[in-house]
């Protein structure tokens, strides 16, 4: 028997290991998607010296598969290169399109308004204040001691009602020297009275004797008249002496405090309300010594109000009596009405908040709104007045924000077919927010409000409502 080497087998047979390897390769070659991965294994098996010669038959089919796969990869590579050349061009075209779209002129959004026909007022707008038409300042009529006033601001009073009471001042106490002088003046007055009475008694008796002599024809008429004159003078001297004595006694009694307040000669003085109204202000509430003419209270009727409005002198010259005035911002919901009664003839100088000197004049207007609509409106209240100097119920008007200057004329931008068209207009009166149009526009025209530098003649615009 010939011993066979394990490394040299019969060429016509395949060993079990080689047969299993062949079946594995055949299964791998059926799947073309994994041919590349299988090809590596086949090349490894074919390179091994122990592989059976029958595997060489498979080598050709595997190489053919590899060549087919390589050709597919080559075709895909050519397509990828073509795509890589096309993509930059397409991106550049898209970018150019976006830039063109972004730079393409778009309509400018603008705020718009309409030309309308309606009421229009030209007014002079200024601040003013209310004041009571007739106010009364109650003052002290005499010097004395004022009692504490019980009234407060806002209390109602009626005509003739006692508002304050003033007691006479108490005299100052005398020192011994002053008292001695007062007693000496009293004694002197008493002595003068006695002397005057004695002189009068002598004059009376002398007159009686001279009358008897005159009846007898002994003396003349002139001598009788002289005696009668002396008798009359003596009587007057007695009366004067009596008055001096009473004065001296009164001074001494006053200084001595012989009479208390409330007795004859020391009655308090009552200060009464001159009209029916309301206490506006109390100047002196506490008790104190007063002097004649010192103000105590202020009384008035708060329903009888007027409005004082200071305006520029050039505006005051255009305001006539009877002009309608609307009062706003007074504290109520609806404006009040007033009528101009007077434009004061004298102006005054006033420095504005900007430091500019202005010539202004007061316009006085009477409130015509019922008192029921202004119950809480009082004296010296601030109001905002609109004095109507011109009014038209059917005026062609446009918002003032649509107007702009063009040299010496006024102009507006009108929207026509989506484009801005400039028009020159002739304007009339203005209320501040609206302006009268005399020429250049028609009712219903759409105008641009507050046109800026972006709005040009013929430019595309798009109206928006704000």
Protein backbone atom coordinates (compact mmCIF):
# COMPACT_ATOMS: atom_id res chain seq x y z
CA UNK A 1 0.00 0.00 0.00
CA UNK A 2 1.15 3.31 -0.81
CA UNK A 3 1.08 5.78 1.96
CA UNK A 4 -0.44 9.00 0.85
CA UNK A 5 0.76 12.32 2.16
CA UNK A 6 -1.91 14.49 3.64
CA UNK A 7 -0.65 17.44 1.55
CA UNK A 8 -0.94 15.61 -1.80
CA UNK A 9 -4.42 14.44 -2.69
CA UNK A 10 -5.81 12.97 -5.83
CA UNK A 11 -6.42 15.61 -8.41
CA UNK A 12 -9.72 14.15 -9.55
CA UNK A 13 -11.28 14.26 -6.08
CA UNK A 14 -12.01 16.99 -3.83
CA UNK A 15 -11.75 16.65 -0.14
CA UNK A 16 -14.57 17.41 2.22
CA UNK A 17 -13.04 20.73 3.18
CA UNK A 18 -12.65 21.79 -0.46
CA UNK A 19 -16.21 20.71 -1.26
CA UNK A 20 -17.58 22.85 1.57
CA UNK A 21 -15.53 25.81 0.43
CA UNK A 22 -16.87 25.49 -3.10
CA UNK A 23 -20.46 25.46 -1.91
CA UNK A 24 -19.87 28.61 0.13
CA UNK A 25 -18.36 30.39 -2.88
CA UNK A 26 -21.28 29.38 -5.11
CA UNK A 27 -23.77 30.84 -2.61
CA UNK A 28 -21.81 34.06 -2.45
CA UNK A 29 -21.64 34.48 -6.18
CA UNK A 30 -25.44 34.34 -6.48
CA UNK A 31 -25.77 37.68 -4.75
CA UNK A 32 -24.27 40.32 -7.04
CA UNK A 33 -24.67 43.13 -4.49
CA UNK A 34 -22.10 41.43 -2.21
CA UNK A 35 -19.77 40.26 -5.00
CA UNK A 36 -17.04 42.67 -4.09
CA UNK A 37 -16.92 41.51 -0.49
CA UNK A 38 -17.03 37.87 -1.60
CA UNK A 39 -14.39 38.41 -4.25
CA UNK A 40 -11.82 39.21 -1.62
CA UNK A 41 -12.52 35.92 0.11
CA UNK A 42 -12.42 33.98 -3.16
CA UNK A 43 -9.07 35.48 -4.05
CA UNK A 44 -7.78 34.42 -0.64
CA UNK A 45 -9.07 30.88 -1.14
CA UNK A 46 -7.68 30.63 -4.66
CA UNK A 47 -4.29 31.81 -3.53
CA UNK A 48 -4.07 29.04 -0.97
CA UNK A 49 -2.10 26.05 -2.12
CA UNK A 50 -4.44 23.60 -0.42
CA UNK A 51 -7.50 24.69 -2.53
CA UNK A 52 -8.71 22.02 -4.90
CA UNK A 53 -8.07 22.52 -8.65
CA UNK A 54 -11.84 22.61 -9.25
CA UNK A 55 -12.03 26.11 -7.80
CA UNK A 56 -10.12 27.47 -10.73
CA UNK A 57 -13.26 27.07 -12.77
CA UNK A 58 -15.00 29.55 -10.54
CA UNK A 59 -12.24 32.10 -10.82
CA UNK A 60 -13.26 33.14 -14.30
CA UNK A 61 -16.88 33.75 -13.38
CA UNK A 62 -15.85 35.80 -10.35
CA UNK A 63 -13.52 37.95 -12.40
CA UNK A 64 -16.31 38.58 -14.91
CA UNK A 65 -18.57 39.72 -12.04
CA UNK A 66 -15.88 42.01 -10.74
CA UNK A 67 -15.39 43.55 -14.16
CA UNK A 68 -19.17 44.16 -14.45
CA UNK A 69 -19.25 45.83 -11.02
CA UNK A 70 -16.26 47.99 -11.94
CA UNK A 71 -17.99 49.17 -15.09
CA UNK A 72 -21.07 50.17 -13.04
CA UNK A 73 -18.91 52.17 -10.65
CA UNK A 74 -17.25 53.91 -13.55
CA UNK A 75 -20.63 54.92 -15.02
CA UNK A 76 -21.83 56.28 -11.63
CA UNK A 77 -18.62 58.27 -11.22
CA UNK A 78 -19.14 59.99 -14.56
CA UNK A 79 -22.69 60.92 -13.53
CA UNK A 80 -21.45 62.29 -10.16
CA UNK A 81 -18.86 64.46 -11.86
CA UNK A 82 -21.53 65.87 -14.18
CA UNK A 83 -23.79 66.63 -11.21
CA UNK A 84 -20.93 68.33 -9.39
CA UNK A 85 -20.41 70.62 -12.38
CA UNK A 86 -24.13 71.52 -12.68
CA UNK A 87 -24.87 72.28 -8.98
CA UNK A 88 -22.66 75.44 -8.67
CA UNK A 89 -24.24 76.89 -11.79
CA UNK A 90 -27.75 76.25 -10.48
CA UNK A 91 -26.88 77.80 -7.09
CA UNK A 92 -25.43 80.89 -8.76
CA UNK A 93 -28.58 81.32 -10.84
CA UNK A 94 -30.79 80.94 -7.75
CA UNK A 95 -28.73 83.50 -5.80
CA UNK A 96 -28.91 85.98 -8.68
CA UNK A 97 -32.67 85.51 -8.82
CA UNK A 98 -33.04 86.17 -5.08
CA UNK A 99 -30.88 89.32 -5.29
CA UNK A 100 -32.91 90.58 -8.23
CA UNK A 101 -36.14 89.92 -6.36
CA UNK A 102 -34.84 91.74 -3.28
CA UNK A 103 -33.67 94.77 -5.26
CA UNK A 104 -36.83 94.99 -7.33
CA UNK A 105 -38.68 98.27 -6.45
CA UNK A 106 -41.55 97.66 -3.99
CA UNK A 107 -44.51 100.00 -3.24
CA UNK A 108 -43.74 102.29 -0.31
CA UNK A 109 -46.24 101.90 2.55
CA UNK A 110 -47.73 105.31 3.40
CA UNK A 111 -50.43 106.56 5.75
CA UNK A 112 -53.36 107.97 3.82
CA UNK A 113 -56.37 110.18 4.37
CA UNK A 114 -59.38 111.44 2.44
CA UNK A 115 -60.53 114.85 1.29
CA UNK A 116 -63.91 115.39 2.93
CA UNK A 117 -66.64 118.01 3.23
CA UNK A 118 -67.83 118.90 6.71
CA UNK A 119 -67.80 121.45 9.53
CA UNK A 120 -64.53 123.27 10.16
CA UNK A 121 -63.66 125.77 12.87
CA UNK A 122 -60.68 128.09 13.17
CA UNK A 123 -60.02 128.66 16.86
CA UNK A 124 -57.61 130.41 19.19
CA UNK A 125 -56.54 127.86 21.79
CA UNK A 126 -55.26 129.19 25.11
CA UNK A 127 -55.44 128.41 28.80
CA UNK A 128 -57.70 130.36 31.10
CA UNK A 129 -59.14 130.36 34.60
CA UNK A 130 -62.55 130.89 36.11
CA UNK A 131 -63.45 133.61 38.54
CA UNK A 132 -66.59 134.72 40.34
CA UNK A 133 -68.09 137.73 38.65
CA UNK A 134 -68.99 139.60 41.86
CA UNK A 135 -66.85 138.93 44.92
CA UNK A 136 -67.05 140.83 48.21
CA UNK A 137 -64.23 141.29 50.71
CA UNK A 138 -65.61 141.80 54.22
CA UNK A 139 -63.32 144.04 56.31
CA UNK A 140 -63.21 145.21 59.92
CA UNK A 141 -65.05 148.57 60.26
CA UNK A 142 -63.40 149.57 63.56
CA UNK A 143 -60.37 148.78 65.62
CA UNK A 144 -61.03 146.25 68.34
CA UNK A 145 -60.73 142.68 69.51
CA UNK A 146 -61.95 140.20 66.86
CA UNK A 147 -63.72 137.14 68.13
CA UNK A 148 -62.88 133.79 66.53
CA UNK A 149 -64.71 133.35 63.20
CA UNK A 150 -66.73 130.12 63.04
CA UNK A 151 -67.18 130.05 59.26
CA UNK A 152 -65.10 127.91 56.90
CA UNK A 153 -64.48 128.18 53.19
CA UNK A 154 -67.47 126.70 51.38
CA UNK A 155 -70.09 127.55 54.01
CA UNK A 156 -73.27 129.13 52.70
CA UNK A 157 -74.30 132.51 54.05
CA UNK A 158 -77.31 134.76 53.50
CA UNK A 159 -77.47 138.51 53.17
CA UNK A 160 -77.45 140.20 56.60
CA UNK A 161 -76.09 137.18 58.45
CA UNK A 162 -73.52 137.99 61.14
CA UNK A 163 -70.08 136.85 59.99
CA UNK A 164 -67.82 138.30 62.72
CA UNK A 165 -68.02 140.19 66.00
CA UNK A 166 -65.52 142.86 67.12
CA UNK A 167 -65.32 144.01 70.73
CA UNK A 168 -63.87 147.43 71.62
CA UNK A 169 -60.33 147.39 72.85
CA UNK A 170 -59.84 147.39 76.63
CA UNK A 171 -57.88 150.47 77.87
CA UNK A 172 -54.41 150.10 79.20
CA UNK A 173 -53.84 150.22 82.98
CA UNK A 174 -52.54 153.51 84.40
CA UNK A 175 -49.46 153.88 86.55
CA UNK A 176 -49.66 156.15 89.67
CA UNK A 177 -48.33 159.18 87.82
CA UNK A 178 -50.82 158.83 84.95
CA UNK A 179 -53.66 158.26 87.39
CA UNK A 180 -52.69 161.42 89.32
CA UNK A 181 -52.68 163.41 86.08
CA UNK A 182 -56.14 162.07 85.16
CA UNK A 183 -57.50 162.99 88.60
CA UNK A 184 -55.95 166.46 88.29
CA UNK A 185 -57.64 167.00 84.91
CA UNK A 186 -60.96 165.96 86.49
CA UNK A 187 -60.51 168.44 89.35
CA UNK A 188 -59.57 171.20 86.94
CA UNK A 189 -62.64 170.52 84.86
CA UNK A 190 -64.80 170.65 87.96
CA UNK A 191 -63.27 173.97 89.02
CA UNK A 192 -63.79 175.44 85.57
CA UNK A 193 -67.42 174.34 85.72
CA UNK A 194 -67.94 176.16 89.02
CA UNK A 195 -66.30 179.26 87.63
CA UNK A 196 -68.47 179.16 84.53
CA UNK A 197 -71.62 178.76 86.63
CA UNK A 198 -70.68 181.79 88.77
CA UNK A 199 -70.04 183.91 85.70
CA UNK A 200 -73.35 182.83 84.24
CA UNK A 201 -75.21 183.76 87.44
CA UNK A 202 -73.65 187.24 87.38
CA UNK A 203 -74.53 187.66 83.72
CA UNK A 204 -78.17 186.69 84.35
CA UNK A 205 -78.59 189.15 87.22
CA UNK A 206 -76.88 191.90 85.23
CA UNK A 207 -79.19 191.31 82.28
CA UNK A 208 -82.25 191.66 84.53
CA UNK A 209 -81.04 195.06 85.87
CA UNK A 210 -80.24 196.37 82.40
CA UNK A 211 -83.68 195.35 81.13
CA UNK A 212 -85.34 197.44 83.90
CA UNK A 213 -83.11 200.41 83.09
CA UNK A 214 -83.91 200.06 79.40
CA UNK A 215 -87.63 200.09 80.17
CA UNK A 216 -87.12 203.31 82.11
CA UNK A 217 -85.17 204.75 79.18
CA UNK A 218 -82.01 205.17 81.14
CA UNK A 219 -79.70 203.10 78.90
CA UNK A 220 -79.54 202.70 75.17
CA UNK A 221 -80.43 199.71 73.08
CA UNK A 222 -76.79 198.96 72.34
CA UNK A 223 -75.89 198.64 76.01
CA UNK A 224 -78.74 196.16 76.49
CA UNK A 225 -77.53 194.05 73.58
CA UNK A 226 -74.03 193.91 75.04
CA UNK A 227 -75.33 192.56 78.33
CA UNK A 228 -77.41 189.94 76.58
CA UNK A 229 -74.32 188.78 74.69
CA UNK A 230 -72.35 188.36 77.89
CA UNK A 231 -75.18 186.32 79.40
CA UNK A 232 -75.29 183.97 76.35
CA UNK A 233 -71.53 183.50 76.42
CA UNK A 234 -71.66 182.61 80.08
CA UNK A 235 -74.21 179.90 79.38
CA UNK A 236 -71.94 178.42 76.65
CA UNK A 237 -68.99 178.47 79.00
CA UNK A 238 -70.98 176.43 81.51
CA UNK A 239 -71.87 173.85 78.87
CA UNK A 240 -68.20 173.56 77.79
CA UNK A 241 -67.06 173.17 81.37
CA UNK A 242 -69.60 170.41 81.97
CA UNK A 243 -68.36 168.54 78.88
CA UNK A 244 -64.73 168.83 80.00
CA UNK A 245 -65.68 167.43 83.39
CA UNK A 246 -67.52 164.48 81.88
CA UNK A 247 -64.55 163.72 79.63
CA UNK A 248 -62.10 163.77 82.51
CA UNK A 249 -64.34 161.55 84.60
CA UNK A 250 -64.82 159.13 81.71
CA UNK A 251 -61.07 158.83 81.14
CA UNK A 252 -60.47 158.15 84.78
CA UNK A 253 -63.30 155.61 84.94
CA UNK A 254 -62.10 153.86 81.72
CA UNK A 255 -58.59 153.49 82.98
CA UNK A 256 -59.84 152.30 86.33
CA UNK A 257 -61.93 149.57 84.63
CA UNK A 258 -65.13 150.72 86.23
CA UNK A 259 -67.20 149.50 83.21
CA UNK A 260 -67.17 145.94 81.87
CA UNK A 261 -67.64 144.85 78.22
CA UNK A 262 -71.28 144.92 77.25
CA UNK A 263 -72.16 148.02 79.30
CA UNK A 264 -73.16 151.26 77.68
CA UNK A 265 -70.37 152.60 75.54
CA UNK A 266 -68.76 149.19 75.06
CA UNK A 267 -71.21 147.37 72.77
CA UNK A 268 -69.59 144.90 70.32
CA UNK A 269 -69.69 145.60 66.56
CA UNK A 270 -71.28 142.96 64.30
CA UNK A 271 -69.95 142.45 60.78
CA UNK A 272 -72.70 141.15 58.45
CA UNK A 273 -72.69 139.44 55.02
CA UNK A 274 -73.40 141.86 52.17
CA UNK A 275 -74.95 139.26 49.81
CA UNK A 276 -76.20 135.69 49.74
CA UNK A 277 -73.52 133.27 48.59
CA UNK A 278 -70.66 131.12 49.80
CA UNK A 279 -67.62 131.90 51.92
CA UNK A 280 -64.73 131.75 49.46
CA UNK A 281 -61.87 132.48 51.82
CA UNK A 282 -61.29 133.24 55.49
CA UNK A 283 -58.39 135.63 55.95
CA UNK A 284 -58.48 135.88 59.75
CA UNK A 285 -59.93 132.89 61.59
CA UNK A 286 -58.44 133.26 65.05
CA UNK A 287 -59.19 135.98 67.57
CA UNK A 288 -56.88 138.97 67.30
CA UNK A 289 -56.71 142.75 67.46
CA UNK A 290 -57.96 144.37 64.28
CA UNK A 291 -57.46 147.73 62.66
CA UNK A 292 -60.01 149.48 60.46
CA UNK A 293 -60.02 148.07 56.91
CA UNK A 294 -58.35 144.75 57.72
CA UNK A 295 -59.90 141.98 55.46
CA UNK A 296 -61.69 139.22 57.33
CA UNK A 297 -63.58 137.07 54.79
CA UNK A 298 -64.36 136.86 51.08
CA UNK A 299 -67.92 136.07 49.96
CA UNK A 300 -69.34 135.36 46.51
CA UNK A 301 -71.77 133.31 44.43
CA UNK A 302 -69.91 130.37 42.79
CA UNK A 303 -72.71 129.82 40.26
CA UNK A 304 -72.12 133.25 38.74
CA UNK A 305 -68.83 132.52 36.98
CA UNK A 306 -66.83 134.08 34.18
CA UNK A 307 -63.67 132.95 32.41
CA UNK A 308 -60.52 135.03 31.93
CA UNK A 309 -58.33 133.94 28.99
CA UNK A 310 -55.06 135.69 28.18
CA UNK A 311 -54.28 135.55 24.45
CA UNK A 312 -51.72 137.15 22.18
CA UNK A 313 -52.60 140.73 21.34
CA UNK A 314 -52.79 139.93 17.61
CA UNK A 315 -55.36 137.21 18.35
CA UNK A 316 -57.27 139.47 20.71
CA UNK A 317 -57.69 142.02 17.92
CA UNK A 318 -59.58 139.39 15.87
CA UNK A 319 -61.98 138.42 18.70
CA UNK A 320 -65.30 140.26 18.87
CA UNK A 321 -67.80 140.38 21.74
CA UNK A 322 -70.35 137.57 21.47
CA UNK A 323 -67.84 135.06 20.04
CA UNK A 324 -68.50 131.45 21.03
CA UNK A 325 -65.99 129.81 23.37
CA UNK A 326 -65.67 126.09 24.17
CA UNK A 327 -64.09 125.13 27.49
CA UNK A 328 -62.31 121.76 27.71
CA UNK A 329 -60.28 119.97 30.40
CA UNK A 330 -62.30 121.54 33.20
CA UNK A 331 -63.01 118.23 34.91
CA UNK A 332 -66.23 117.19 33.18
CA UNK A 333 -66.92 114.91 30.26
CA UNK A 334 -68.57 117.44 27.95
CA UNK A 335 -67.15 120.86 27.01
CA UNK A 336 -68.82 123.96 28.42
CA UNK A 337 -69.96 126.92 26.36
CA UNK A 338 -69.28 130.59 27.01
CA UNK A 339 -69.65 133.89 25.17
CA UNK A 340 -67.05 136.64 24.98
CA UNK A 341 -68.25 139.68 26.89
CA UNK A 342 -65.17 141.86 26.80
CA UNK A 343 -61.69 142.12 25.34
CA UNK A 344 -59.78 144.34 27.75
CA UNK A 345 -58.49 147.52 26.09
CA UNK A 346 -55.04 147.36 27.70
CA UNK A 347 -52.48 144.61 27.03
CA UNK A 348 -49.63 143.53 29.28
CA UNK A 349 -46.20 141.96 28.87
CA UNK A 350 -45.75 138.33 29.84
CA UNK A 351 -42.63 136.16 29.62
CA UNK A 352 -43.33 132.77 28.08
CA UNK A 353 -41.87 129.45 29.23
CA UNK A 354 -39.13 129.86 26.61
CA UNK A 355 -38.13 133.24 27.99
CA UNK A 356 -39.73 135.28 25.18
CA UNK A 357 -41.58 138.47 26.04
CA UNK A 358 -45.10 138.49 24.64
CA UNK A 359 -47.80 141.13 24.51
CA UNK A 360 -51.00 139.55 25.75
CA UNK A 361 -54.51 140.73 26.53
CA UNK A 362 -57.30 139.33 28.72
CA UNK A 363 -60.49 138.07 27.11
CA UNK A 364 -63.44 137.83 29.52
CA UNK A 365 -66.23 135.37 28.67
CA UNK A 366 -69.48 134.58 30.49
CA UNK A 367 -70.47 130.95 31.04
CA UNK A 368 -73.76 130.10 29.33
CA UNK A 369 -73.92 126.39 30.17
CA UNK A 370 -76.46 125.64 32.92
CA UNK A 371 -75.16 125.50 36.46
CA UNK A 372 -76.36 121.89 36.74
CA UNK A 373 -73.71 120.81 34.21
CA UNK A 374 -70.88 122.46 36.14
CA UNK A 375 -71.68 121.87 39.78
CA UNK A 376 -68.09 121.19 40.80
CA UNK A 377 -66.59 124.11 38.88
CA UNK A 378 -65.39 126.82 41.24
CA UNK A 379 -63.33 129.95 41.48
CA UNK A 380 -59.83 130.09 39.93
CA UNK A 381 -60.20 126.70 38.19
CA UNK A 382 -58.00 126.03 35.16
CA UNK A 383 -59.67 125.46 31.77
CA UNK A 384 -58.54 125.10 28.15
CA UNK A 385 -60.44 127.53 25.95
CA UNK A 386 -61.14 127.32 22.21
CA UNK A 387 -62.31 130.70 20.92
CA UNK A 388 -64.08 130.24 17.58
CA UNK A 389 -63.02 133.05 15.23
CA UNK A 390 -64.29 131.37 11.99
CA UNK A 391 -66.65 128.49 11.19
CA UNK A 392 -67.99 126.82 8.01
CA UNK A 393 -70.43 123.88 8.22
CA UNK A 394 -69.65 122.69 4.64
CA UNK A 395 -65.94 123.21 4.12
CA UNK A 396 -63.74 121.15 1.79
CA UNK A 397 -61.01 120.03 4.16
CA UNK A 398 -57.96 117.79 4.29
CA UNK A 399 -55.84 116.54 7.23
CA UNK A 400 -53.17 119.12 8.02
CA UNK A 401 -50.48 116.43 7.96
CA UNK A 402 -50.90 116.02 4.21
CA UNK A 403 -49.71 119.56 3.41
CA UNK A 404 -46.11 120.56 2.73
CA UNK A 405 -44.42 123.65 1.36
CA UNK A 406 -43.22 123.96 -2.23
CA UNK A 407 -41.47 127.31 -2.53
CA UNK A 408 -44.22 129.85 -1.87
CA UNK A 409 -47.11 127.40 -2.32
CA UNK A 410 -48.65 124.45 -0.55
CA UNK A 411 -48.66 120.98 -2.04
CA UNK A 412 -49.99 117.47 -1.38
CA UNK A 413 -49.35 113.97 -2.73
CA UNK A 414 -52.44 112.30 -4.19
CA UNK A 415 -52.53 108.53 -4.84
CA UNK A 416 -53.62 107.79 -8.43
CA UNK A 417 -53.32 104.27 -9.90
CA UNK A 418 -51.01 103.20 -7.12
CA UNK A 419 -48.54 106.05 -7.69
CA UNK A 420 -47.89 109.33 -5.88
CA UNK A 421 -48.84 112.45 -7.81
CA UNK A 422 -47.94 115.90 -6.55
CA UNK A 423 -50.56 118.67 -6.66
CA UNK A 424 -50.33 122.32 -5.71
CA UNK A 425 -53.28 123.56 -3.64
CA UNK A 426 -54.64 126.80 -2.27
CA UNK A 427 -55.48 126.63 1.43
CA UNK A 428 -57.78 128.68 3.62
CA UNK A 429 -58.49 128.50 7.35
CA UNK A 430 -57.10 125.81 9.62
CA UNK A 431 -58.26 124.24 12.86
CA UNK A 432 -54.84 122.78 13.65
CA UNK A 433 -55.73 119.22 12.66
CA UNK A 434 -57.65 120.02 9.46
CA UNK A 435 -57.19 122.68 6.79
CA UNK A 436 -59.64 124.21 4.35
CA UNK A 437 -58.88 123.61 0.65
CA UNK A 438 -59.92 126.34 -1.77
CA UNK A 439 -58.39 124.94 -4.99
CA UNK A 440 -56.53 121.87 -6.20
CA UNK A 441 -58.43 118.92 -4.68
CA UNK A 442 -61.83 117.30 -4.87
CA UNK A 443 -63.97 115.44 -2.39
CA UNK A 444 -62.91 111.81 -2.05
CA UNK A 445 -59.29 112.24 -3.20
CA UNK A 446 -56.86 110.00 -1.30
CA UNK A 447 -53.85 111.93 -0.02
CA UNK A 448 -50.63 110.85 1.66
CA UNK A 449 -50.20 111.94 5.27
CA UNK A 450 -46.79 113.06 6.50
CA UNK A 451 -44.89 112.33 3.24
CA UNK A 452 -41.20 111.82 3.83
CA UNK A 453 -38.19 111.96 1.56
CA UNK A 454 -38.92 108.48 0.22
CA UNK A 455 -42.12 109.60 -1.48
CA UNK A 456 -41.31 110.89 -4.97
CA UNK A 457 -43.37 112.07 -7.90
CA UNK A 458 -44.64 109.00 -9.74
CA UNK A 459 -43.30 106.56 -7.17
CA UNK A 460 -45.25 103.43 -6.33
CA UNK A 461 -46.99 103.61 -2.98
CA UNK A 462 -49.31 101.44 -0.94
CA UNK A 463 -51.81 103.03 1.42
CA UNK A 464 -52.13 101.74 4.98
CA UNK A 465 -54.48 102.73 7.80
CA UNK A 466 -52.97 103.48 11.20
